[in-house]
N, C-alpha and C. Protein backbone atom coordinates (compact mmCIF):
# COMPACT_ATOMS: atom_id res chain seq x y z
N MET A 1 -3.88 -6.07 -5.88
CA MET A 1 -5.10 -5.73 -6.59
C MET A 1 -5.78 -6.95 -7.13
N ILE A 2 -5.04 -7.74 -7.94
CA ILE A 2 -5.69 -8.85 -8.61
C ILE A 2 -6.12 -9.89 -7.59
N GLU A 3 -5.31 -10.13 -6.55
CA GLU A 3 -5.61 -11.19 -5.62
C GLU A 3 -6.96 -10.99 -4.96
N SER A 4 -7.44 -9.75 -4.89
CA SER A 4 -8.65 -9.48 -4.13
C SER A 4 -9.90 -10.04 -4.75
N GLY A 5 -9.85 -10.56 -5.97
CA GLY A 5 -10.97 -11.30 -6.52
C GLY A 5 -11.52 -10.98 -7.91
N LEU A 6 -12.48 -11.92 -8.57
CA LEU A 6 -13.07 -11.74 -9.96
C LEU A 6 -14.22 -12.68 -10.29
N ARG A 7 -15.38 -12.53 -10.06
CA ARG A 7 -16.45 -13.47 -10.39
C ARG A 7 -17.39 -12.88 -11.41
N THR A 8 -17.81 -11.61 -11.23
CA THR A 8 -18.73 -11.01 -12.18
C THR A 8 -18.20 -9.68 -12.64
N ALA A 9 -18.55 -9.21 -13.75
CA ALA A 9 -18.28 -7.85 -14.25
C ALA A 9 -18.87 -7.70 -15.61
N LEU A 10 -19.03 -7.26 -16.40
CA LEU A 10 -19.16 -6.58 -17.65
C LEU A 10 -19.76 -7.31 -18.85
N ASN A 11 -21.03 -7.23 -19.06
CA ASN A 11 -21.67 -7.72 -20.30
C ASN A 11 -22.66 -6.63 -20.68
N TRP A 12 -22.56 -6.09 -21.89
CA TRP A 12 -23.29 -4.86 -22.18
C TRP A 12 -24.41 -5.11 -23.19
N LEU A 13 -25.50 -4.29 -23.08
CA LEU A 13 -26.63 -4.38 -23.99
C LEU A 13 -26.21 -4.05 -25.42
N ALA A 14 -26.79 -4.75 -26.38
CA ALA A 14 -26.42 -4.54 -27.78
C ALA A 14 -26.68 -3.11 -28.22
N ALA A 15 -27.76 -2.55 -27.76
CA ALA A 15 -28.08 -1.17 -28.17
C ALA A 15 -27.02 -0.21 -27.69
N GLY A 16 -26.53 -0.42 -26.46
CA GLY A 16 -25.48 0.46 -25.94
C GLY A 16 -24.20 0.31 -26.72
N THR A 17 -23.86 -0.91 -27.08
CA THR A 17 -22.65 -1.16 -27.85
C THR A 17 -22.71 -0.50 -29.22
N LEU A 18 -23.88 -0.58 -29.87
CA LEU A 18 -24.03 0.06 -31.17
C LEU A 18 -23.89 1.57 -31.06
N ALA A 19 -24.43 2.13 -29.99
CA ALA A 19 -24.30 3.58 -29.80
C ALA A 19 -22.84 3.97 -29.62
N LEU A 20 -22.08 3.14 -28.89
CA LEU A 20 -20.67 3.44 -28.67
C LEU A 20 -19.88 3.43 -29.96
N ALA A 21 -20.27 2.57 -30.88
CA ALA A 21 -19.52 2.43 -32.13
C ALA A 21 -19.49 3.71 -32.93
N THR A 22 -20.43 4.61 -32.68
CA THR A 22 -20.49 5.86 -33.43
C THR A 22 -19.66 6.96 -32.77
N LEU A 23 -19.09 6.69 -31.59
CA LEU A 23 -18.36 7.71 -30.84
C LEU A 23 -16.86 7.49 -30.96
N PRO A 24 -16.08 8.52 -31.30
CA PRO A 24 -14.63 8.38 -31.20
C PRO A 24 -14.25 8.13 -29.75
N ALA A 25 -13.25 7.27 -29.52
CA ALA A 25 -12.86 6.96 -28.15
C ALA A 25 -12.47 8.21 -27.38
N SER A 26 -11.81 9.16 -28.04
CA SER A 26 -11.36 10.36 -27.36
C SER A 26 -12.50 11.25 -26.92
N ALA A 27 -13.69 11.12 -27.56
CA ALA A 27 -14.83 11.97 -27.22
C ALA A 27 -15.76 11.31 -26.22
N ALA A 28 -15.59 10.00 -25.98
CA ALA A 28 -16.49 9.26 -25.10
C ALA A 28 -16.11 9.49 -23.64
N ASP A 29 -17.14 9.48 -22.75
CA ASP A 29 -16.83 9.58 -21.33
C ASP A 29 -16.31 8.24 -20.83
N ALA A 30 -15.93 8.18 -19.54
CA ALA A 30 -15.26 6.99 -19.03
C ALA A 30 -16.16 5.77 -19.09
N ARG A 31 -17.44 5.92 -18.78
CA ARG A 31 -18.34 4.78 -18.81
C ARG A 31 -18.45 4.23 -20.24
N GLN A 32 -18.56 5.11 -21.20
CA GLN A 32 -18.64 4.68 -22.59
C GLN A 32 -17.36 3.99 -23.03
N GLN A 33 -16.21 4.53 -22.59
CA GLN A 33 -14.94 3.91 -22.95
C GLN A 33 -14.80 2.53 -22.30
N LEU A 34 -15.28 2.38 -21.07
CA LEU A 34 -15.25 1.08 -20.43
C LEU A 34 -16.12 0.08 -21.18
N GLU A 35 -17.31 0.49 -21.56
CA GLU A 35 -18.22 -0.39 -22.29
C GLU A 35 -17.60 -0.82 -23.63
N ARG A 36 -16.97 0.13 -24.30
CA ARG A 36 -16.32 -0.20 -25.57
C ARG A 36 -15.15 -1.15 -25.35
N PHE A 37 -14.39 -0.90 -24.31
CA PHE A 37 -13.25 -1.75 -23.98
C PHE A 37 -13.70 -3.19 -23.74
N VAL A 38 -14.76 -3.36 -22.98
CA VAL A 38 -15.27 -4.70 -22.68
C VAL A 38 -15.83 -5.37 -23.94
N ALA A 39 -16.52 -4.60 -24.77
CA ALA A 39 -17.15 -5.17 -25.96
C ALA A 39 -16.14 -5.52 -27.05
N GLU A 40 -15.09 -4.72 -27.20
CA GLU A 40 -14.20 -4.86 -28.34
C GLU A 40 -12.86 -5.51 -28.03
N VAL A 41 -12.41 -5.42 -26.79
CA VAL A 41 -11.10 -5.96 -26.42
C VAL A 41 -11.31 -7.27 -25.66
N GLN A 42 -11.13 -8.38 -26.36
CA GLN A 42 -11.32 -9.69 -25.75
C GLN A 42 -10.05 -10.23 -25.09
N SER A 43 -8.92 -9.65 -25.44
CA SER A 43 -7.65 -10.03 -24.82
C SER A 43 -6.68 -8.86 -24.96
N ALA A 44 -5.65 -8.87 -24.12
CA ALA A 44 -4.67 -7.78 -24.19
C ALA A 44 -3.42 -8.18 -23.43
N THR A 45 -2.33 -7.51 -23.76
CA THR A 45 -1.09 -7.62 -23.00
C THR A 45 -0.60 -6.20 -22.72
N GLY A 46 0.28 -6.08 -21.73
CA GLY A 46 0.81 -4.77 -21.42
C GLY A 46 1.74 -4.81 -20.22
N SER A 47 2.12 -3.63 -19.77
CA SER A 47 3.00 -3.47 -18.61
C SER A 47 2.27 -2.71 -17.53
N PHE A 48 2.72 -2.88 -16.29
CA PHE A 48 2.10 -2.15 -15.19
C PHE A 48 3.14 -1.66 -14.19
N THR A 49 2.80 -0.59 -13.51
CA THR A 49 3.52 -0.15 -12.32
C THR A 49 2.50 -0.06 -11.20
N GLN A 50 2.93 -0.31 -9.98
CA GLN A 50 2.00 -0.33 -8.85
C GLN A 50 2.68 0.26 -7.62
N GLN A 51 1.96 1.11 -6.91
CA GLN A 51 2.49 1.71 -5.69
C GLN A 51 1.37 1.89 -4.69
N VAL A 52 1.67 1.68 -3.42
CA VAL A 52 0.68 1.80 -2.35
C VAL A 52 1.05 2.98 -1.46
N ALA A 53 0.05 3.81 -1.14
CA ALA A 53 0.21 4.91 -0.20
C ALA A 53 -0.67 4.63 1.01
N ASP A 54 -0.13 4.80 2.23
CA ASP A 54 -0.93 4.55 3.42
C ASP A 54 -1.90 5.69 3.66
N ASP A 55 -2.65 5.62 4.77
CA ASP A 55 -3.68 6.62 5.02
C ASP A 55 -3.12 8.00 5.31
N ARG A 56 -1.79 8.12 5.48
CA ARG A 56 -1.13 9.42 5.66
C ARG A 56 -0.42 9.88 4.39
N GLY A 57 -0.57 9.10 3.32
CA GLY A 57 0.04 9.48 2.05
C GLY A 57 1.47 9.04 1.89
N GLN A 58 2.00 8.26 2.86
CA GLN A 58 3.38 7.78 2.76
C GLN A 58 3.46 6.68 1.70
N LEU A 59 4.37 6.82 0.76
CA LEU A 59 4.49 5.87 -0.34
C LEU A 59 5.40 4.70 0.03
N ARG A 60 5.00 3.52 -0.41
CA ARG A 60 5.81 2.33 -0.23
C ARG A 60 6.59 2.05 -1.50
N GLN A 61 7.42 1.02 -1.46
CA GLN A 61 8.22 0.64 -2.62
C GLN A 61 7.32 0.28 -3.80
N SER A 62 7.69 0.76 -4.96
CA SER A 62 6.87 0.51 -6.15
C SER A 62 7.19 -0.86 -6.73
N GLN A 63 6.25 -1.38 -7.51
CA GLN A 63 6.41 -2.65 -8.20
C GLN A 63 6.16 -2.42 -9.69
N SER A 64 6.68 -3.32 -10.50
CA SER A 64 6.43 -3.24 -11.93
C SER A 64 6.47 -4.64 -12.52
N GLY A 65 5.81 -4.78 -13.66
CA GLY A 65 5.78 -6.08 -14.30
C GLY A 65 4.95 -6.08 -15.56
N GLU A 66 4.44 -7.24 -15.92
CA GLU A 66 3.69 -7.41 -17.16
C GLU A 66 2.39 -8.14 -16.89
N PHE A 67 1.39 -7.91 -17.74
CA PHE A 67 0.11 -8.59 -17.57
C PHE A 67 -0.42 -9.05 -18.93
N ALA A 68 -1.35 -9.99 -18.85
CA ALA A 68 -2.09 -10.46 -20.02
C ALA A 68 -3.45 -10.93 -19.54
N PHE A 69 -4.47 -10.80 -20.40
CA PHE A 69 -5.77 -11.35 -20.05
C PHE A 69 -6.52 -11.78 -21.30
N GLN A 70 -7.48 -12.65 -21.07
CA GLN A 70 -8.40 -13.09 -22.12
C GLN A 70 -9.74 -13.34 -21.46
N ARG A 71 -10.79 -12.75 -22.03
CA ARG A 71 -12.12 -12.94 -21.45
C ARG A 71 -12.65 -14.32 -21.79
N PRO A 72 -13.46 -14.89 -20.86
CA PRO A 72 -13.79 -14.36 -19.55
C PRO A 72 -12.93 -14.97 -18.45
N GLY A 73 -12.26 -14.11 -17.69
CA GLY A 73 -11.64 -14.56 -16.46
C GLY A 73 -10.27 -15.17 -16.52
N LEU A 74 -9.60 -15.15 -17.68
CA LEU A 74 -8.23 -15.65 -17.76
C LEU A 74 -7.28 -14.46 -17.66
N PHE A 75 -6.33 -14.53 -16.73
CA PHE A 75 -5.36 -13.44 -16.67
C PHE A 75 -4.06 -13.88 -16.03
N ARG A 76 -3.05 -13.08 -16.30
CA ARG A 76 -1.69 -13.31 -15.79
C ARG A 76 -1.14 -11.96 -15.35
N TRP A 77 -0.72 -11.87 -14.09
CA TRP A 77 -0.21 -10.63 -13.51
C TRP A 77 1.15 -10.95 -12.91
N GLN A 78 2.21 -10.59 -13.60
CA GLN A 78 3.56 -11.04 -13.23
C GLN A 78 4.40 -9.85 -12.77
N THR A 79 4.70 -9.82 -11.47
CA THR A 79 5.59 -8.80 -10.92
C THR A 79 7.03 -9.20 -11.20
N VAL A 80 7.80 -8.26 -11.73
CA VAL A 80 9.20 -8.51 -12.07
C VAL A 80 10.14 -7.81 -11.09
N LYS A 81 9.84 -6.55 -10.75
CA LYS A 81 10.66 -5.76 -9.82
C LYS A 81 9.76 -5.21 -8.71
N PRO A 82 10.25 -5.11 -7.49
CA PRO A 82 11.62 -5.42 -7.01
C PRO A 82 11.82 -6.89 -6.65
N TYR A 83 10.77 -7.71 -6.80
CA TYR A 83 10.85 -9.14 -6.54
C TYR A 83 9.95 -9.85 -7.53
N ALA A 84 10.13 -11.14 -7.65
CA ALA A 84 9.32 -11.93 -8.58
C ALA A 84 8.09 -12.48 -7.88
N GLN A 85 6.95 -12.35 -8.53
CA GLN A 85 5.70 -12.93 -8.04
C GLN A 85 4.76 -13.09 -9.23
N LEU A 86 3.94 -14.12 -9.19
CA LEU A 86 3.04 -14.39 -10.31
C LEU A 86 1.65 -14.71 -9.79
N VAL A 87 0.65 -14.04 -10.34
CA VAL A 87 -0.75 -14.37 -10.08
C VAL A 87 -1.36 -14.75 -11.42
N VAL A 88 -1.97 -15.94 -11.50
CA VAL A 88 -2.50 -16.41 -12.78
C VAL A 88 -3.83 -17.10 -12.55
N SER A 89 -4.77 -16.86 -13.44
CA SER A 89 -6.08 -17.51 -13.39
C SER A 89 -6.31 -18.25 -14.70
N ASP A 90 -6.71 -19.52 -14.58
CA ASP A 90 -7.06 -20.30 -15.77
C ASP A 90 -8.58 -20.37 -15.95
N GLY A 91 -9.30 -19.53 -15.22
CA GLY A 91 -10.75 -19.51 -15.29
C GLY A 91 -11.41 -20.38 -14.24
N LYS A 92 -10.66 -21.31 -13.67
CA LYS A 92 -11.18 -22.19 -12.62
C LYS A 92 -10.47 -21.96 -11.29
N LEU A 93 -9.13 -21.88 -11.37
CA LEU A 93 -8.33 -21.66 -10.17
C LEU A 93 -7.51 -20.39 -10.31
N LEU A 94 -7.39 -19.68 -9.20
CA LEU A 94 -6.50 -18.52 -9.11
C LEU A 94 -5.29 -18.95 -8.30
N ARG A 95 -4.10 -18.84 -8.90
CA ARG A 95 -2.88 -19.27 -8.23
C ARG A 95 -1.94 -18.09 -8.05
N GLN A 96 -1.37 -17.98 -6.85
CA GLN A 96 -0.36 -16.97 -6.57
C GLN A 96 0.93 -17.68 -6.20
N TYR A 97 1.96 -17.45 -7.01
CA TYR A 97 3.24 -18.12 -6.83
C TYR A 97 4.27 -17.13 -6.33
N ASP A 98 4.84 -17.44 -5.16
CA ASP A 98 5.89 -16.61 -4.57
C ASP A 98 7.18 -17.43 -4.54
N PRO A 99 8.10 -17.20 -5.49
CA PRO A 99 9.34 -17.98 -5.54
C PRO A 99 10.20 -17.86 -4.28
N ASP A 100 10.22 -16.67 -3.66
CA ASP A 100 11.04 -16.48 -2.47
C ASP A 100 10.56 -17.35 -1.31
N LEU A 101 9.25 -17.53 -1.21
CA LEU A 101 8.69 -18.38 -0.16
C LEU A 101 8.58 -19.83 -0.60
N ALA A 102 8.83 -20.10 -1.89
CA ALA A 102 8.66 -21.45 -2.46
C ALA A 102 7.25 -21.95 -2.15
N GLN A 103 6.27 -21.11 -2.46
CA GLN A 103 4.88 -21.44 -2.11
C GLN A 103 3.92 -20.98 -3.19
N VAL A 104 2.93 -21.82 -3.47
CA VAL A 104 1.81 -21.47 -4.33
C VAL A 104 0.53 -21.53 -3.51
N THR A 105 -0.23 -20.45 -3.56
CA THR A 105 -1.55 -20.43 -2.93
C THR A 105 -2.59 -20.50 -4.03
N GLU A 106 -3.53 -21.42 -3.92
CA GLU A 106 -4.56 -21.53 -4.94
C GLU A 106 -5.94 -21.57 -4.31
N ARG A 107 -6.89 -20.98 -5.01
CA ARG A 107 -8.28 -20.94 -4.55
C ARG A 107 -9.19 -20.92 -5.76
N PRO A 108 -10.43 -21.36 -5.60
CA PRO A 108 -11.37 -21.31 -6.72
C PRO A 108 -11.60 -19.87 -7.17
N VAL A 109 -11.68 -19.67 -8.48
CA VAL A 109 -11.89 -18.33 -9.01
C VAL A 109 -13.15 -17.71 -8.45
N GLY A 110 -14.22 -18.47 -8.36
CA GLY A 110 -15.49 -17.92 -7.88
C GLY A 110 -15.42 -17.38 -6.48
N GLU A 111 -14.50 -17.94 -5.66
CA GLU A 111 -14.38 -17.51 -4.28
C GLU A 111 -13.40 -16.35 -4.13
N SER A 112 -12.57 -16.12 -5.14
CA SER A 112 -11.47 -15.18 -4.96
C SER A 112 -11.60 -13.91 -5.78
N ILE A 113 -12.49 -13.90 -6.77
CA ILE A 113 -12.56 -12.75 -7.65
C ILE A 113 -13.69 -11.82 -7.26
N GLY A 114 -14.92 -12.32 -7.36
CA GLY A 114 -16.07 -11.56 -6.89
C GLY A 114 -16.14 -10.16 -7.43
N ALA A 115 -16.55 -9.24 -6.60
CA ALA A 115 -16.65 -7.83 -6.97
C ALA A 115 -15.29 -7.19 -6.77
N SER A 116 -14.44 -7.24 -7.77
CA SER A 116 -13.07 -6.76 -7.65
C SER A 116 -12.69 -5.95 -8.88
N PRO A 117 -11.59 -5.18 -8.80
CA PRO A 117 -11.11 -4.49 -9.99
C PRO A 117 -10.81 -5.43 -11.14
N ALA A 118 -10.35 -6.65 -10.82
CA ALA A 118 -10.10 -7.63 -11.88
C ALA A 118 -11.38 -7.97 -12.62
N ALA A 119 -12.50 -8.04 -11.88
CA ALA A 119 -13.78 -8.34 -12.52
C ALA A 119 -14.17 -7.25 -13.50
N ILE A 120 -13.87 -6.01 -13.17
CA ILE A 120 -14.24 -4.90 -14.04
C ILE A 120 -13.49 -4.97 -15.36
N LEU A 121 -12.20 -5.21 -15.30
CA LEU A 121 -11.38 -5.13 -16.51
C LEU A 121 -11.29 -6.45 -17.27
N PHE A 122 -11.32 -7.59 -16.57
CA PHE A 122 -11.03 -8.86 -17.21
C PHE A 122 -12.23 -9.79 -17.28
N GLY A 123 -13.32 -9.46 -16.61
CA GLY A 123 -14.43 -10.39 -16.50
C GLY A 123 -15.42 -10.28 -17.63
N SER A 124 -16.50 -10.99 -17.45
CA SER A 124 -17.59 -10.98 -18.42
C SER A 124 -18.87 -11.25 -17.67
N GLY A 125 -19.68 -10.22 -17.48
CA GLY A 125 -20.90 -10.35 -16.71
C GLY A 125 -21.60 -9.01 -16.66
N SER A 126 -22.38 -8.76 -15.64
CA SER A 126 -23.10 -7.51 -15.52
C SER A 126 -22.41 -6.59 -14.53
N LEU A 127 -21.86 -5.49 -15.00
CA LEU A 127 -21.18 -4.53 -14.13
C LEU A 127 -22.12 -4.01 -13.06
N ASP A 128 -23.36 -3.68 -13.44
CA ASP A 128 -24.28 -3.05 -12.49
C ASP A 128 -24.76 -4.01 -11.42
N GLU A 129 -24.64 -5.31 -11.62
CA GLU A 129 -25.00 -6.26 -10.58
C GLU A 129 -24.02 -6.20 -9.42
N ALA A 130 -22.75 -5.96 -9.69
CA ALA A 130 -21.72 -6.01 -8.67
C ALA A 130 -21.26 -4.64 -8.20
N PHE A 131 -21.47 -3.58 -9.02
CA PHE A 131 -20.92 -2.27 -8.71
C PHE A 131 -21.94 -1.15 -8.93
N GLU A 132 -21.77 -0.11 -8.14
CA GLU A 132 -22.45 1.16 -8.40
C GLU A 132 -21.42 2.06 -9.09
N VAL A 133 -21.70 2.46 -10.31
CA VAL A 133 -20.73 3.19 -11.12
C VAL A 133 -21.16 4.64 -11.26
N THR A 134 -20.25 5.57 -11.00
CA THR A 134 -20.53 6.99 -11.15
C THR A 134 -19.41 7.66 -11.94
N GLN A 135 -19.79 8.65 -12.72
CA GLN A 135 -18.82 9.42 -13.49
C GLN A 135 -18.05 10.35 -12.57
N GLN A 136 -16.75 10.53 -12.84
CA GLN A 136 -15.90 11.42 -12.08
C GLN A 136 -15.34 12.51 -13.00
N PRO A 137 -14.93 13.66 -12.43
CA PRO A 137 -14.36 14.72 -13.28
C PRO A 137 -13.08 14.25 -13.97
N ASP A 138 -12.85 14.74 -15.18
CA ASP A 138 -11.60 14.46 -15.88
C ASP A 138 -10.44 15.05 -15.10
N ARG A 139 -9.32 14.35 -15.10
CA ARG A 139 -8.08 14.89 -14.50
C ARG A 139 -6.88 14.15 -15.09
N ASP A 140 -5.76 14.83 -15.08
CA ASP A 140 -4.51 14.27 -15.60
C ASP A 140 -4.65 13.78 -17.04
N GLY A 141 -5.54 14.41 -17.81
CA GLY A 141 -5.72 14.03 -19.20
C GLY A 141 -6.50 12.75 -19.40
N LEU A 142 -7.16 12.24 -18.35
CA LEU A 142 -7.90 10.99 -18.41
C LEU A 142 -9.37 11.22 -18.09
N ALA A 143 -10.23 10.36 -18.62
CA ALA A 143 -11.65 10.34 -18.27
C ALA A 143 -11.85 9.29 -17.19
N TRP A 144 -12.52 9.65 -16.07
CA TRP A 144 -12.56 8.79 -14.90
C TRP A 144 -13.97 8.33 -14.57
N LEU A 145 -14.06 7.11 -14.01
CA LEU A 145 -15.28 6.64 -13.38
C LEU A 145 -14.91 6.01 -12.04
N ARG A 146 -15.90 5.91 -11.16
CA ARG A 146 -15.71 5.28 -9.85
C ARG A 146 -16.66 4.11 -9.71
N ALA A 147 -16.15 2.96 -9.32
CA ALA A 147 -16.96 1.77 -9.10
C ALA A 147 -16.92 1.41 -7.62
N ARG A 148 -18.10 1.36 -7.00
CA ARG A 148 -18.22 0.96 -5.60
C ARG A 148 -18.87 -0.42 -5.55
N PRO A 149 -18.26 -1.38 -4.84
CA PRO A 149 -18.88 -2.70 -4.75
C PRO A 149 -20.20 -2.63 -3.99
N ARG A 150 -21.18 -3.39 -4.43
CA ARG A 150 -22.49 -3.39 -3.79
C ARG A 150 -22.51 -4.24 -2.52
N THR A 151 -21.51 -5.10 -2.35
CA THR A 151 -21.42 -5.91 -1.14
C THR A 151 -20.33 -5.36 -0.23
N GLY A 152 -20.44 -5.66 1.05
CA GLY A 152 -19.49 -5.12 2.01
C GLY A 152 -18.26 -5.97 2.21
N ASP A 153 -18.15 -7.11 1.52
CA ASP A 153 -17.03 -8.02 1.74
C ASP A 153 -16.03 -8.02 0.59
N ALA A 154 -16.05 -6.95 -0.22
CA ALA A 154 -15.16 -6.91 -1.38
C ALA A 154 -13.72 -6.61 -1.01
N GLY A 155 -13.49 -6.03 0.18
CA GLY A 155 -12.14 -5.72 0.60
C GLY A 155 -11.65 -4.35 0.21
N PHE A 156 -12.48 -3.58 -0.50
CA PHE A 156 -12.09 -2.21 -0.85
C PHE A 156 -13.34 -1.34 -0.90
N ALA A 157 -13.12 -0.03 -0.69
CA ALA A 157 -14.23 0.92 -0.66
C ALA A 157 -14.67 1.31 -2.06
N HIS A 158 -13.72 1.63 -2.92
CA HIS A 158 -14.03 1.95 -4.31
C HIS A 158 -12.76 1.88 -5.15
N VAL A 159 -12.93 1.83 -6.45
CA VAL A 159 -11.81 1.92 -7.37
C VAL A 159 -12.14 2.94 -8.44
N ASP A 160 -11.22 3.87 -8.67
CA ASP A 160 -11.35 4.85 -9.75
C ASP A 160 -10.52 4.34 -10.93
N ILE A 161 -11.10 4.42 -12.13
CA ILE A 161 -10.42 3.95 -13.34
C ILE A 161 -10.36 5.09 -14.34
N GLY A 162 -9.16 5.40 -14.80
CA GLY A 162 -8.96 6.47 -15.78
C GLY A 162 -8.73 5.90 -17.16
N PHE A 163 -9.47 6.43 -18.14
CA PHE A 163 -9.39 5.94 -19.52
C PHE A 163 -8.83 7.01 -20.46
N LEU A 164 -8.15 6.53 -21.49
CA LEU A 164 -7.68 7.39 -22.57
C LEU A 164 -7.73 6.59 -23.86
N ASP A 165 -8.38 7.16 -24.87
CA ASP A 165 -8.47 6.52 -26.19
C ASP A 165 -9.01 5.09 -26.11
N GLY A 166 -9.99 4.89 -25.24
CA GLY A 166 -10.67 3.61 -25.18
C GLY A 166 -9.97 2.53 -24.38
N LEU A 167 -8.87 2.86 -23.68
CA LEU A 167 -8.13 1.87 -22.90
C LEU A 167 -7.94 2.36 -21.47
N PRO A 168 -7.99 1.45 -20.50
CA PRO A 168 -7.72 1.85 -19.11
C PRO A 168 -6.24 2.16 -18.96
N ARG A 169 -5.95 3.29 -18.32
CA ARG A 169 -4.55 3.71 -18.17
C ARG A 169 -4.11 3.78 -16.72
N ARG A 170 -5.08 3.98 -15.80
CA ARG A 170 -4.72 4.09 -14.39
C ARG A 170 -5.87 3.59 -13.53
N LEU A 171 -5.53 2.93 -12.43
CA LEU A 171 -6.49 2.52 -11.43
C LEU A 171 -6.03 3.04 -10.07
N GLU A 172 -6.98 3.53 -9.28
CA GLU A 172 -6.68 4.00 -7.93
C GLU A 172 -7.69 3.36 -6.99
N LEU A 173 -7.22 2.43 -6.17
CA LEU A 173 -8.09 1.63 -5.32
C LEU A 173 -7.92 2.03 -3.86
N LEU A 174 -9.03 2.39 -3.21
CA LEU A 174 -9.03 2.73 -1.78
C LEU A 174 -9.53 1.52 -1.01
N ASP A 175 -8.68 0.99 -0.10
CA ASP A 175 -9.10 -0.20 0.64
C ASP A 175 -9.71 0.17 1.99
N ALA A 176 -10.11 -0.85 2.73
CA ALA A 176 -10.81 -0.63 3.99
C ALA A 176 -9.93 -0.03 5.07
N PHE A 177 -8.60 -0.03 4.87
CA PHE A 177 -7.67 0.50 5.85
C PHE A 177 -7.20 1.92 5.51
N GLY A 178 -7.79 2.51 4.49
CA GLY A 178 -7.41 3.85 4.09
C GLY A 178 -6.20 3.91 3.18
N GLN A 179 -5.69 2.75 2.75
CA GLN A 179 -4.56 2.71 1.84
C GLN A 179 -5.05 2.86 0.39
N THR A 180 -4.26 3.54 -0.42
CA THR A 180 -4.59 3.71 -1.83
C THR A 180 -3.55 3.02 -2.69
N THR A 181 -4.00 2.09 -3.52
CA THR A 181 -3.13 1.41 -4.47
C THR A 181 -3.28 2.07 -5.83
N ARG A 182 -2.19 2.58 -6.37
CA ARG A 182 -2.21 3.24 -7.69
C ARG A 182 -1.50 2.35 -8.70
N ILE A 183 -2.21 2.02 -9.76
CA ILE A 183 -1.68 1.15 -10.80
C ILE A 183 -1.72 1.87 -12.14
N GLY A 184 -0.59 1.94 -12.80
CA GLY A 184 -0.52 2.51 -14.14
C GLY A 184 -0.35 1.41 -15.17
N LEU A 185 -1.12 1.48 -16.26
CA LEU A 185 -1.05 0.49 -17.33
C LEU A 185 -0.49 1.15 -18.58
N SER A 186 0.43 0.48 -19.25
CA SER A 186 1.07 1.05 -20.43
C SER A 186 1.40 -0.05 -21.43
N ASP A 187 1.83 0.37 -22.63
CA ASP A 187 2.23 -0.57 -23.69
C ASP A 187 1.14 -1.61 -23.95
N ILE A 188 -0.12 -1.19 -23.92
CA ILE A 188 -1.22 -2.12 -24.07
C ILE A 188 -1.41 -2.50 -25.54
N THR A 189 -1.43 -3.80 -25.81
CA THR A 189 -1.75 -4.32 -27.14
C THR A 189 -3.08 -5.04 -27.06
N ALA A 190 -4.06 -4.56 -27.82
CA ALA A 190 -5.40 -5.12 -27.79
C ALA A 190 -5.52 -6.30 -28.75
N ASN A 191 -6.16 -7.36 -28.28
CA ASN A 191 -6.47 -8.55 -29.08
C ASN A 191 -5.24 -9.14 -29.78
N PRO A 192 -4.16 -9.38 -29.02
CA PRO A 192 -2.98 -10.00 -29.63
C PRO A 192 -3.15 -11.51 -29.72
N LYS A 193 -2.24 -12.16 -30.44
CA LYS A 193 -2.18 -13.61 -30.42
C LYS A 193 -1.38 -14.01 -29.19
N LEU A 194 -2.02 -14.73 -28.26
CA LEU A 194 -1.39 -15.07 -27.00
C LEU A 194 -0.69 -16.43 -27.09
N ALA A 195 0.41 -16.54 -26.39
CA ALA A 195 1.16 -17.80 -26.37
C ALA A 195 0.35 -18.90 -25.71
N SER A 196 0.46 -20.10 -26.22
CA SER A 196 -0.23 -21.25 -25.64
C SER A 196 0.26 -21.48 -24.22
N GLY A 197 -0.67 -21.73 -23.30
CA GLY A 197 -0.31 -22.02 -21.92
C GLY A 197 0.02 -20.82 -21.07
N ILE A 198 -0.22 -19.62 -21.57
CA ILE A 198 0.15 -18.41 -20.82
C ILE A 198 -0.62 -18.28 -19.52
N PHE A 199 -1.80 -18.90 -19.46
CA PHE A 199 -2.62 -18.80 -18.24
C PHE A 199 -2.55 -20.06 -17.39
N ASP A 200 -1.60 -20.92 -17.67
CA ASP A 200 -1.36 -22.12 -16.87
C ASP A 200 -0.15 -21.89 -15.97
N LEU A 201 -0.08 -22.67 -14.91
CA LEU A 201 1.06 -22.60 -14.00
C LEU A 201 1.51 -24.02 -13.67
N GLU A 202 2.72 -24.36 -14.07
CA GLU A 202 3.31 -25.63 -13.68
C GLU A 202 4.04 -25.42 -12.36
N VAL A 203 3.54 -26.06 -11.31
CA VAL A 203 4.10 -25.88 -9.98
C VAL A 203 5.37 -26.70 -9.84
N PRO A 204 6.51 -26.06 -9.51
CA PRO A 204 7.75 -26.81 -9.32
C PRO A 204 7.61 -27.86 -8.23
N ALA A 205 8.37 -28.93 -8.33
CA ALA A 205 8.24 -30.06 -7.41
C ALA A 205 8.60 -29.68 -5.97
N ASP A 206 9.51 -28.71 -5.79
CA ASP A 206 9.97 -28.37 -4.44
C ASP A 206 9.18 -27.21 -3.82
N VAL A 207 8.00 -26.91 -4.37
CA VAL A 207 7.19 -25.78 -3.89
C VAL A 207 5.98 -26.31 -3.13
N ASP A 208 5.69 -25.70 -1.98
CA ASP A 208 4.50 -26.06 -1.19
C ASP A 208 3.26 -25.45 -1.85
N VAL A 209 2.16 -26.21 -1.86
CA VAL A 209 0.89 -25.74 -2.39
C VAL A 209 -0.10 -25.62 -1.25
N VAL A 210 -0.62 -24.41 -1.06
CA VAL A 210 -1.63 -24.14 -0.03
C VAL A 210 -2.95 -23.94 -0.73
N ARG A 211 -3.92 -24.82 -0.45
CA ARG A 211 -5.23 -24.73 -1.08
C ARG A 211 -6.22 -24.07 -0.15
N VAL A 212 -6.84 -22.99 -0.63
CA VAL A 212 -7.81 -22.24 0.18
C VAL A 212 -9.18 -22.46 -0.43
N GLN A 213 -10.13 -22.92 0.36
CA GLN A 213 -11.50 -23.15 -0.12
C GLN A 213 -12.42 -21.99 0.26
């Protein structure tokens, strides 16, 4: 999910933000909850689970780990099980570290983020410039919206985001191959004090670095 990119997403009009402030998170629709999340949550930490289903609904092995972000564009997505992998952005470079392959792949953030789910949740920009957003029916106790990228090179058809109490709780991304990636977010702490260097990556000496322009 994160690797697919992050350049623009979410900067909201002051009038809209003021209107949101009068609404309880539980009463707001998904678009309002997203706007409030972007306006009020400048950083967060939490846990995630991730699973991919192919176009026939067959489920693959699930993944789990921890994440952190700080606007604009700093994030850390660390897979712990069933294998170790780290994706981290310092706002300039996006690095993906695979310990099993002893390899780090790095690319400029502007080239790798773009119109992506990461841009929606972690970025700072104009949502409507990059996405067409529509309200979806509530289900599973969550308020949902659908974001479709306005460009054809985003790598996915749409992403549905489910909100509860002003925080994103689930993402369901449909890619160009008919696969659906389902991500659950939990244990979210809004605006925590983040450890120094959390968005940096010190590349071990024995690891190959592949630079993608």
